Amino acid sequence: MAKRVRQQARTSGHRDRLLDTAIRLYRETGYEKTTVADIARGASMSPANDRFFPSRQTIEEAVVAMLLDEVATAAKDAARRGGGAAHFSCESKR
């Protein structure tokens, strides 16, 4: 059981590293020019390793989902503070 938990944590860490790298490269190089191999190399992983994201589309979907979660969290925080739209700030920490 403990081994499975450690494996899941490691897998999550690898996925997060790949997603962070993808976002950075999309910003630096551009979405169209960034390849799956670029993302893997940027995360210091093998480009042949597809167990975390089997395709470019799955990476893109995970990036969009992560960024939407960040926007939703920022909007909820702004609403809790009682600020209107003028007080809304969503700056990615990535």
C-alpha atoms as a PDB file:
ATOM      1  CA  MET A   1       0.000   0.000   0.000  1.00  0.00           C
ATOM      2  CA  ALA A   2       2.728   2.499   0.946  1.00  0.00           C
ATOM      3  CA  LYS A   3       4.599   1.631  -2.233  1.00  0.00           C
ATOM      4  CA  ARG A   4       1.523   2.479  -4.325  1.00  0.00           C
ATOM      5  CA  VAL A   5       1.144   5.840  -2.543  1.00  0.00           C
ATOM      6  CA  ARG A   6       4.800   6.686  -3.214  1.00  0.00           C
ATOM      7  CA  GLN A   7       4.388   5.691  -6.876  1.00  0.00           C
ATOM      8  CA  GLN A   8       1.281   7.880  -7.225  1.00  0.00           C
ATOM      9  CA  ALA A   9       3.096  10.838  -5.649  1.00  0.00           C
ATOM     10  CA  ARG A  10       6.064  10.333  -7.973  1.00  0.00           C
ATOM     11  CA  THR A  11       3.756  10.081 -10.988  1.00  0.00           C
ATOM     12  CA  SER A  12       1.958  13.257  -9.949  1.00  0.00           C
ATOM     13  CA  GLY A  13       5.301  15.034  -9.575  1.00  0.00           C
ATOM     14  CA  HIS A  14       6.368  13.971 -13.070  1.00  0.00           C
ATOM     15  CA  ARG A  15       3.043  15.074 -14.551  1.00  0.00           C
ATOM     16  CA  ASP A  16       3.294  18.462 -12.805  1.00  0.00           C
ATOM     17  CA  ARG A  17       6.851  18.915 -14.044  1.00  0.00           C
ATOM     18  CA  LEU A  18       5.788  18.140 -17.612  1.00  0.00           C
ATOM     19  CA  LEU A  19       2.842  20.550 -17.403  1.00  0.00           C
ATOM     20  CA  ASP A  20       4.962  23.339 -15.923  1.00  0.00           C
ATOM     21  CA  THR A  21       7.510  22.801 -18.683  1.00  0.00           C
ATOM     22  CA  ALA A  22       4.811  22.800 -21.362  1.00  0.00           C
ATOM     23  CA  ILE A  23       3.410  26.126 -20.132  1.00  0.00           C
ATOM     24  CA  ARG A  24       6.884  27.670 -19.975  1.00  0.00           C
ATOM     25  CA  LEU A  25       7.748  26.502 -23.499  1.00  0.00           C
ATOM     26  CA  TYR A  26       4.379  27.600 -24.907  1.00  0.00           C
ATOM     27  CA  ARG A  27       5.146  31.090 -23.557  1.00  0.00           C
ATOM     28  CA  GLU A  28       8.799  31.158 -24.643  1.00  0.00           C
ATOM     29  CA  THR A  29       8.710  29.316 -27.969  1.00  0.00           C
ATOM     30  CA  GLY A  30       5.065  29.482 -28.884  1.00  0.00           C
ATOM     31  CA  TYR A  31       2.346  26.898 -28.812  1.00  0.00           C
ATOM     32  CA  GLU A  32       2.660  25.861 -32.461  1.00  0.00           C
ATOM     33  CA  LYS A  33       6.431  25.406 -32.346  1.00  0.00           C
ATOM     34  CA  THR A  34       6.579  23.436 -29.100  1.00  0.00           C
ATOM     35  CA  THR A  35       6.783  19.668 -29.604  1.00  0.00           C
ATOM     36  CA  VAL A  36       6.210  16.812 -27.179  1.00  0.00           C
ATOM     37  CA  ALA A  37       9.929  16.039 -27.437  1.00  0.00           C
ATOM     38  CA  ASP A  38      10.753  19.657 -26.459  1.00  0.00           C
ATOM     39  CA  ILE A  39       8.519  19.363 -23.409  1.00  0.00           C
ATOM     40  CA  ALA A  40      10.058  16.056 -22.341  1.00  0.00           C
ATOM     41  CA  ARG A  41      13.612  17.349 -22.782  1.00  0.00           C
ATOM     42  CA  GLY A  42      12.744  20.559 -20.919  1.00  0.00           C
ATOM     43  CA  ALA A  43      11.493  18.439 -18.023  1.00  0.00           C
ATOM     44  CA  SER A  44      14.652  16.291 -18.133  1.00  0.00           C
ATOM     45  CA  MET A  45      12.662  13.241 -19.184  1.00  0.00           C
ATOM     46  CA  SER A  46      12.887  10.881 -22.114  1.00  0.00           C
ATOM     47  CA  PRO A  47      10.859  11.970 -25.157  1.00  0.00           C
ATOM     48  CA  ALA A  48       9.956   8.289 -25.633  1.00  0.00           C
ATOM     49  CA  ASN A  49       8.217   8.141 -22.240  1.00  0.00           C
ATOM     50  CA  ASP A  50       4.508   8.390 -22.987  1.00  0.00           C
ATOM     51  CA  ARG A  51       3.011   6.897 -19.841  1.00  0.00           C
ATOM     52  CA  PHE A  52       2.154  10.300 -18.361  1.00  0.00           C
ATOM     53  CA  PHE A  53       0.726  11.852 -21.514  1.00  0.00           C
ATOM     54  CA  PRO A  54       0.300   9.520 -24.495  1.00  0.00           C
ATOM     55  CA  SER A  55      -0.183  12.355 -26.994  1.00  0.00           C
ATOM     56  CA  ARG A  56       0.231  16.069 -27.545  1.00  0.00           C
ATOM     57  CA  GLN A  57      -3.532  16.449 -27.202  1.00  0.00           C
ATOM     58  CA  THR A  58      -3.526  14.956 -23.693  1.00  0.00           C
ATOM     59  CA  ILE A  59      -0.800  17.411 -22.656  1.00  0.00           C
ATOM     60  CA  GLU A  60      -2.787  20.311 -24.094  1.00  0.00           C
ATOM     61  CA  GLU A  61      -5.985  19.196 -22.362  1.00  0.00           C
ATOM     62  CA  ALA A  62      -4.183  18.879 -19.022  1.00  0.00           C
ATOM     63  CA  VAL A  63      -2.610  22.339 -19.429  1.00  0.00           C
ATOM     64  CA  VAL A  64      -5.993  23.909 -20.198  1.00  0.00           C
ATOM     65  CA  ALA A  65      -7.642  22.128 -17.256  1.00  0.00           C
ATOM     66  CA  MET A  66      -4.887  23.261 -14.899  1.00  0.00           C
ATOM     67  CA  LEU A  67      -5.065  26.879 -16.064  1.00  0.00           C
ATOM     68  CA  LEU A  68      -8.879  26.899 -15.815  1.00  0.00           C
ATOM     69  CA  ASP A  69      -8.596  25.615 -12.240  1.00  0.00           C
ATOM     70  CA  GLU A  70      -6.234  28.492 -11.448  1.00  0.00           C
ATOM     71  CA  VAL A  71      -8.665  31.022 -12.956  1.00  0.00           C
ATOM     72  CA  ALA A  72     -11.595  29.525 -11.038  1.00  0.00           C
ATOM     73  CA  THR A  73      -9.636  29.608  -7.786  1.00  0.00           C
ATOM     74  CA  ALA A  74      -8.633  33.240  -8.336  1.00  0.00           C
ATOM     75  CA  ALA A  75     -12.247  34.182  -9.123  1.00  0.00           C
ATOM     76  CA  LYS A  76     -13.511  32.445  -5.967  1.00  0.00           C
ATOM     77  CA  ASP A  77     -10.862  34.209  -3.892  1.00  0.00           C
ATOM     78  CA  ALA A  78     -11.845  37.574  -5.371  1.00  0.00           C
ATOM     79  CA  ALA A  79     -15.518  36.879  -4.677  1.00  0.00           C
ATOM     80  CA  ARG A  80     -14.763  35.914  -1.064  1.00  0.00           C
ATOM     81  CA  ARG A  81     -12.860  39.163  -0.561  1.00  0.00           C
ATOM     82  CA  GLY A  82     -15.900  41.046  -1.795  1.00  0.00           C
ATOM     83  CA  GLY A  83     -14.054  42.638  -4.671  1.00  0.00           C
ATOM     84  CA  GLY A  84     -15.762  43.333  -7.931  1.00  0.00           C
ATOM     85  CA  ALA A  85     -14.412  42.637 -11.363  1.00  0.00           C
ATOM     86  CA  ALA A  86     -11.930  45.496 -10.972  1.00  0.00           C
ATOM     87  CA  HIS A  87     -10.283  43.600  -8.110  1.00  0.00           C
ATOM     88  CA  PHE A  88     -10.032  40.314  -9.982  1.00  0.00           C
ATOM     89  CA  SER A  89      -6.457  39.228 -10.562  1.00  0.00           C
ATOM     90  CA  CYS A  90      -5.393  35.934 -12.028  1.00  0.00           C
ATOM     91  CA  GLU A  91      -1.665  35.812 -12.395  1.00  0.00           C
ATOM     92  CA  SER A  92      -0.324  32.357 -12.958  1.00  0.00           C
ATOM     93  CA  LYS A  93       2.361  31.306 -10.508  1.00  0.00           C
ATOM     94  CA  ARG A  94       3.870  29.048 -13.112  1.00  0.00           C
END
